[in-house]
Protein backbone atom coordinates (compact mmCIF):
# COMPACT_ATOMS: atom_id res chain seq x y z
CA MET A 1 13.10 123.69 154.87
CA SER A 2 10.34 121.26 155.82
CA ASN A 3 9.96 118.59 158.50
CA VAL A 4 8.86 115.07 157.66
CA THR A 5 8.02 112.45 160.27
CA GLU A 6 8.83 108.96 159.11
CA ILE A 7 7.70 105.71 160.74
CA ASP A 8 10.30 102.97 160.85
CA GLN A 9 9.75 99.21 160.79
CA ARG A 10 9.57 99.01 164.60
CA GLY A 11 6.78 101.58 164.79
CA GLY A 12 9.15 104.32 165.90
CA MET A 13 9.08 107.76 164.35
CA GLN A 14 12.03 109.79 163.14
CA GLU A 15 11.68 113.43 162.22
CA THR A 16 13.92 114.63 159.43
CA SER A 17 14.23 118.18 158.18
CA TYR A 18 15.02 118.75 154.55
CA ASN A 19 16.46 121.90 153.09
CA ASN A 20 15.31 123.24 149.74
CA LYS A 21 17.50 120.69 147.94
CA GLY A 22 15.94 117.73 149.77
CA ILE A 23 19.06 117.01 151.81
CA GLY A 24 18.38 115.82 155.37
CA THR A 25 19.95 117.75 158.22
CA MET A 26 22.76 116.33 160.33
CA TYR A 27 20.51 115.01 163.10
CA GLN A 28 18.50 112.55 161.03
CA ASP A 29 20.66 109.62 162.13
CA ARG A 30 20.96 110.71 165.76
CA ILE A 31 17.51 111.89 166.88
CA GLU A 32 14.63 109.45 167.22
CA LEU A 33 10.94 109.89 167.98
CA ASN A 34 9.32 106.68 169.17
CA PRO A 35 6.04 106.59 171.11
CA LYS A 36 7.45 103.67 173.12
CA ILE A 37 10.47 105.67 174.34
CA CYS A 38 10.06 108.67 176.67
CA ALA A 39 6.43 109.17 175.59
CA GLY A 40 7.49 109.97 172.03
CA LYS A 41 9.76 112.88 172.93
CA PRO A 42 12.77 113.35 170.67
CA VAL A 43 15.70 111.41 172.14
CA ILE A 44 19.25 110.57 171.15
CA LYS A 45 18.89 107.37 169.14
CA GLY A 46 19.72 104.25 171.14
CA THR A 47 19.31 106.05 174.47
CA ARG A 48 16.53 107.38 176.66
CA ILE A 49 18.10 110.85 176.77
CA PRO A 50 15.60 113.46 175.56
CA VAL A 51 16.85 116.40 173.50
CA SER A 52 15.19 118.67 176.08
CA VAL A 53 17.44 117.28 178.85
CA ILE A 54 20.56 118.07 176.84
CA ILE A 55 19.33 121.60 176.13
CA SER A 56 18.39 122.14 179.79
CA HIS A 57 21.82 121.05 181.02
CA LEU A 58 23.56 123.34 178.55
CA ALA A 59 21.24 126.23 179.48
CA ALA A 60 22.14 125.66 183.14
CA GLY A 61 25.78 126.29 182.25
CA GLU A 62 27.18 122.78 181.94
CA THR A 63 30.00 122.38 179.49
CA TRP A 64 29.92 119.74 176.78
CA LYS A 65 32.61 117.84 178.70
CA GLU A 66 30.50 117.87 181.89
CA LEU A 67 27.46 116.73 179.94
CA ILE A 68 29.36 113.82 178.40
CA THR A 69 30.78 112.89 181.81
CA GLY A 70 27.26 112.82 183.26
CA PHE A 71 25.86 110.93 180.26
CA PRO A 72 28.77 108.79 179.03
CA GLU A 73 26.73 107.36 176.15
CA LEU A 74 26.58 110.86 174.58
CA THR A 75 29.07 112.06 172.00
CA GLU A 76 29.85 115.56 170.80
CA GLU A 77 28.00 114.70 167.58
CA ASP A 78 24.91 113.83 169.65
CA ILE A 79 25.04 117.22 171.38
CA LYS A 80 25.43 119.00 168.03
CA ALA A 81 22.46 117.05 166.68
CA ALA A 82 20.35 117.97 169.73
CA LEU A 83 21.20 121.65 169.30
CA GLN A 84 20.42 121.55 165.58
CA TYR A 85 17.15 119.72 166.20
CA ALA A 86 16.12 122.29 168.83
CA SER A 87 17.07 125.14 166.53
CA ASP A 88 15.14 123.71 163.59
CA SER A 89 12.13 123.02 165.83
CA ILE A 90 12.05 126.64 167.00
CA GLU A 91 12.64 127.96 163.50
CA HIS A 92 9.60 126.07 162.22
CA THR A 93 7.24 126.86 165.08
CA GLU A 94 4.50 129.36 164.36
CA ILE A 95 3.63 131.56 167.31
CA MET A 96 0.24 133.21 167.36
CA PHE A 97 -0.43 136.03 169.78
CA ALA A 98 -3.86 136.42 171.34
CA SER A 99 -5.56 139.68 170.50
CA LYS A 100 -6.65 141.94 173.34
């Protein structure tokens, strides 16, 4: 799988991951990267809710229902997309350890 950052007509960026068959993952229509919104952090499209905020709330033990109550513009599909985006980001991050 590879990540491709695309620039839309408004100057915003959208990162899409493609599997080996070239099919975009489920978050391509829900996650947006735009340097004019939240300093370019990945957000739920049409909102100013960063993916990292969703992940942090879930990590703190909030349920999906509580998260949607706190952020009524979110849907379950948005949360799934945020989780998939975070997973793919980690999966494609290379970690290099410093030698002693």
